[in-house]
Protein backbone atom coordinates (compact mmCIF):
# COMPACT_ATOMS: atom_id res chain seq x y z
CA UNK A 1 0.00 0.00 0.00
CA UNK A 2 2.85 2.38 0.81
CA UNK A 3 4.36 1.84 -2.64
CA UNK A 4 1.01 2.57 -4.29
CA UNK A 5 0.72 5.80 -2.28
CA UNK A 6 4.23 6.84 -3.31
CA UNK A 7 3.35 6.02 -6.90
CA UNK A 8 0.30 8.30 -6.83
CA UNK A 9 2.30 11.16 -5.30
CA UNK A 10 5.09 10.69 -7.82
CA UNK A 11 2.65 10.83 -10.71
CA UNK A 12 1.38 14.19 -9.49
CA UNK A 13 4.90 15.50 -8.90
CA UNK A 14 6.18 14.43 -12.29
CA UNK A 15 3.18 16.01 -13.99
CA UNK A 16 4.17 19.33 -12.44
CA UNK A 17 7.92 19.01 -12.94
CA UNK A 18 8.16 17.76 -16.51
CA UNK A 19 6.25 20.37 -18.46
CA UNK A 20 5.49 19.72 -22.09
CA UNK A 21 8.41 20.28 -24.42
CA UNK A 22 6.06 21.32 -27.22
CA UNK A 23 7.25 24.78 -28.19
CA UNK A 24 8.57 26.66 -31.14
CA UNK A 25 11.77 25.08 -32.42
CA UNK A 26 13.90 27.12 -34.78
CA UNK A 27 14.84 25.74 -38.19
CA UNK A 28 18.50 26.11 -37.18
CA UNK A 29 17.96 23.91 -34.10
CA UNK A 30 16.10 21.33 -36.16
CA UNK A 31 18.90 21.20 -38.72
CA UNK A 32 21.58 21.00 -36.03
CA UNK A 33 19.67 18.27 -34.18
CA UNK A 34 19.34 16.20 -37.35
CA UNK A 35 23.08 16.59 -38.00
CA UNK A 36 23.97 15.46 -34.46
CA UNK A 37 21.51 12.56 -34.61
CA UNK A 38 22.88 11.31 -37.93
CA UNK A 39 26.58 11.85 -37.29
CA UNK A 40 26.90 11.20 -33.54
CA UNK A 41 23.90 9.64 -31.80
CA UNK A 42 23.49 6.96 -34.47
CA UNK A 43 26.80 5.37 -33.37
CA UNK A 44 25.15 3.94 -30.24
CA UNK A 45 21.43 4.40 -30.76
CA UNK A 46 21.23 3.33 -34.38
CA UNK A 47 19.71 4.87 -37.48
CA UNK A 48 16.72 7.03 -36.55
CA UNK A 49 17.13 5.90 -32.95
CA UNK A 50 16.47 2.18 -33.45
CA UNK A 51 19.21 0.50 -31.43
CA UNK A 52 21.85 -1.65 -33.08
CA UNK A 53 23.59 -2.72 -29.87
CA UNK A 54 21.41 -4.18 -27.08
CA UNK A 55 23.53 -2.24 -24.59
CA UNK A 56 21.94 1.05 -25.61
CA UNK A 57 18.29 2.12 -25.62
CA UNK A 58 16.10 2.63 -28.64
CA UNK A 59 15.06 6.29 -28.85
CA UNK A 60 12.66 5.99 -31.78
CA UNK A 61 9.09 6.72 -30.71
CA UNK A 62 10.12 7.68 -27.18
CA UNK A 63 8.08 10.53 -25.69
CA UNK A 64 9.64 13.95 -26.27
CA UNK A 65 9.07 15.21 -22.72
CA UNK A 66 10.76 12.14 -21.27
CA UNK A 67 13.74 12.54 -23.61
CA UNK A 68 14.06 16.22 -22.66
CA UNK A 69 14.03 15.31 -18.97
CA UNK A 70 16.69 12.62 -19.39
CA UNK A 71 19.01 14.80 -21.48
CA UNK A 72 18.77 17.51 -18.85
CA UNK A 73 19.53 14.92 -16.17
CA UNK A 74 22.62 13.83 -18.12
CA UNK A 75 23.71 17.44 -18.51
CA UNK A 76 23.24 18.23 -14.82
CA UNK A 77 24.87 14.91 -13.77
CA UNK A 78 21.77 13.92 -11.79
CA UNK A 79 21.42 10.58 -13.59
CA UNK A 80 24.25 8.42 -12.33
CA UNK A 81 24.09 4.96 -13.87
CA UNK A 82 27.39 3.79 -15.43
CA UNK A 83 26.50 4.50 -19.06
CA UNK A 84 25.24 7.96 -18.11
CA UNK A 85 28.58 8.72 -16.47
CA UNK A 86 30.67 7.02 -19.14
CA UNK A 87 28.87 8.33 -22.21
CA UNK A 88 25.97 10.71 -21.78
CA UNK A 89 27.35 13.22 -19.26
CA UNK A 90 29.94 14.23 -21.82
CA UNK A 91 27.61 13.97 -24.83
CA UNK A 92 24.96 16.17 -23.21
CA UNK A 93 27.39 18.83 -21.91
CA UNK A 94 27.38 21.05 -25.05
CA UNK A 95 23.62 20.81 -25.67
CA UNK A 96 21.56 23.92 -24.97
CA UNK A 97 17.82 23.81 -24.29
CA UNK A 98 16.92 24.45 -27.93
CA UNK A 99 19.02 21.54 -29.14
CA UNK A 100 17.69 19.25 -26.42
CA UNK A 101 14.09 19.98 -27.40
CA UNK A 102 14.87 19.60 -31.12
CA UNK A 103 16.59 16.24 -30.58
CA UNK A 104 13.68 15.03 -28.46
CA UNK A 105 11.22 16.08 -31.16
CA UNK A 106 13.24 14.30 -33.84
CA UNK A 107 13.44 10.97 -32.00
CA UNK A 108 9.85 11.02 -30.79
CA UNK A 109 8.72 11.28 -34.43
CA UNK A 110 10.63 8.17 -35.59
CA UNK A 111 9.03 4.76 -36.08
CA UNK A 112 9.81 2.49 -33.09
CA UNK A 113 11.84 -0.69 -33.52
CA UNK A 114 9.86 -3.89 -33.99
CA UNK A 115 9.93 -6.38 -31.13
CA UNK A 116 11.90 -9.62 -31.14
CA UNK A 117 10.48 -13.08 -30.53
CA UNK A 118 11.07 -14.99 -27.31
CA UNK A 119 9.99 -18.23 -25.65
CA UNK A 120 6.19 -18.33 -25.24
CA UNK A 121 6.30 -19.33 -21.58
CA UNK A 122 8.80 -16.56 -20.79
CA UNK A 123 6.63 -13.96 -22.50
CA UNK A 124 3.56 -15.16 -20.59
CA UNK A 125 5.36 -14.87 -17.24
CA UNK A 126 6.73 -11.44 -18.10
CA UNK A 127 3.37 -10.20 -19.30
CA UNK A 128 1.71 -11.32 -16.07
CA UNK A 129 4.23 -9.38 -13.97
CA UNK A 130 3.97 -6.35 -16.23
CA UNK A 131 0.16 -6.24 -16.18
CA UNK A 132 -0.51 -7.44 -12.64
CA UNK A 133 2.63 -6.85 -10.57
CA UNK A 134 3.70 -9.23 -7.83
CA UNK A 135 1.13 -8.86 -5.06
CA UNK A 136 2.95 -11.13 -2.62
CA UNK A 137 5.80 -8.61 -2.27
CA UNK A 138 3.80 -5.45 -2.92
CA UNK A 139 5.05 -4.73 -6.44
CA UNK A 140 2.46 -2.81 -8.48
CA UNK A 141 1.72 -3.46 -12.13
CA UNK A 142 4.24 -1.83 -14.48
CA UNK A 143 1.28 -0.98 -16.71
CA UNK A 144 0.05 1.50 -14.08
CA UNK A 145 2.68 4.01 -15.23
CA UNK A 146 3.94 2.69 -18.56
CA UNK A 147 0.54 1.78 -20.01
CA UNK A 148 -1.05 -1.56 -20.92
CA UNK A 149 0.93 -1.75 -24.17
CA UNK A 150 4.13 -0.33 -22.61
CA UNK A 151 3.96 2.73 -24.87
CA UNK A 152 4.53 5.09 -21.93
CA UNK A 153 3.40 8.67 -21.40
CA UNK A 154 4.99 12.11 -21.39
CA UNK A 155 6.32 11.40 -17.88
CA UNK A 156 7.07 7.68 -18.12
CA UNK A 157 9.16 6.07 -20.87
CA UNK A 158 8.07 3.81 -23.67
CA UNK A 159 9.37 0.31 -22.86
CA UNK A 160 7.88 -1.63 -25.77
CA UNK A 161 10.57 -2.98 -28.07
CA UNK A 162 13.49 -1.97 -25.87
CA UNK A 163 16.46 -4.30 -25.68
CA UNK A 164 16.11 -6.87 -22.89
CA UNK A 165 19.77 -6.36 -21.97
CA UNK A 166 19.25 -2.62 -21.59
CA UNK A 167 16.07 -3.04 -19.52
CA UNK A 168 17.72 -5.51 -17.14
CA UNK A 169 20.68 -3.18 -16.74
CA UNK A 170 18.37 -0.29 -15.85
CA UNK A 171 16.40 -2.36 -13.36
CA UNK A 172 19.66 -3.26 -11.63
CA UNK A 173 20.65 0.42 -11.62
CA UNK A 174 17.34 1.25 -9.93
CA UNK A 175 17.85 -1.64 -7.51
CA UNK A 176 21.25 -0.32 -6.43
CA UNK A 177 20.14 3.34 -6.52
CA UNK A 178 22.69 4.22 -9.21
CA UNK A 179 19.58 5.68 -10.78
CA UNK A 180 17.99 7.42 -7.84
CA UNK A 181 14.25 7.06 -8.51
CA UNK A 182 12.37 6.10 -5.36
CA UNK A 183 9.43 4.35 -7.01
CA UNK A 184 11.61 2.29 -9.31
CA UNK A 185 13.96 1.40 -6.46
CA UNK A 186 11.00 -0.03 -4.59
CA UNK A 187 9.83 -2.00 -7.61
CA UNK A 188 13.25 -3.32 -8.66
CA UNK A 189 14.28 -4.24 -5.12
CA UNK A 190 11.41 -6.71 -4.90
CA UNK A 191 12.05 -8.39 -8.24
CA UNK A 192 14.06 -11.58 -8.53
CA UNK A 193 16.62 -11.83 -11.32
CA UNK A 194 14.45 -14.34 -13.20
CA UNK A 195 11.47 -12.00 -12.93
CA UNK A 196 13.52 -9.10 -14.31
CA UNK A 197 14.56 -11.29 -17.24
CA UNK A 198 10.99 -12.40 -17.94
CA UNK A 199 9.62 -8.84 -17.91
CA UNK A 200 12.51 -7.57 -20.05
CA UNK A 201 12.05 -10.29 -22.67
CA UNK A 202 8.29 -9.68 -22.72
CA UNK A 203 8.81 -5.95 -23.29
CA UNK A 204 11.41 -6.62 -25.97
CA UNK A 205 8.87 -8.76 -27.80
CA UNK A 206 6.32 -5.96 -28.16
């Protein structure tokens, strides 16, 4: 019950904190963002943001507001998981607000990566955890925030089609508080490794 209460409060807080990134974007910022996306970001995140290495997230179809928030977290060094420190702190340093918004707009408009197949039983177990949570240890349904189809919202990321390797890595970062997000720490701390793997493979299949 405590985790559900925290979840409700966090939803309200995030709604206030992460204001919509929809605003006028200059043609110069759009052109510069496209250049950076094609010449730099594609190295890790793939063409049009569809990942080529399972280590890195797919950005295609991700919500613009969420991308803006994460890029600002990288720039301010408030997101501390290893890849953020090793890659994105430096990559985000030269980005101003206009470029951040333009990059977010670009990636949010791209077609998401198609899911990959997995064992039927694994997908069924992962889907059950995603849609229903794990009541025995007080873990709420992931769908509460990320949506029944894992397409996310302006405040919560799209998880559908993400690399299983990347998702497991992020869950472990939440578990250890390398990514300091209270709600996700509570969720990840209660998940067994096998449950993380099942959920990640289910999400990757979408």
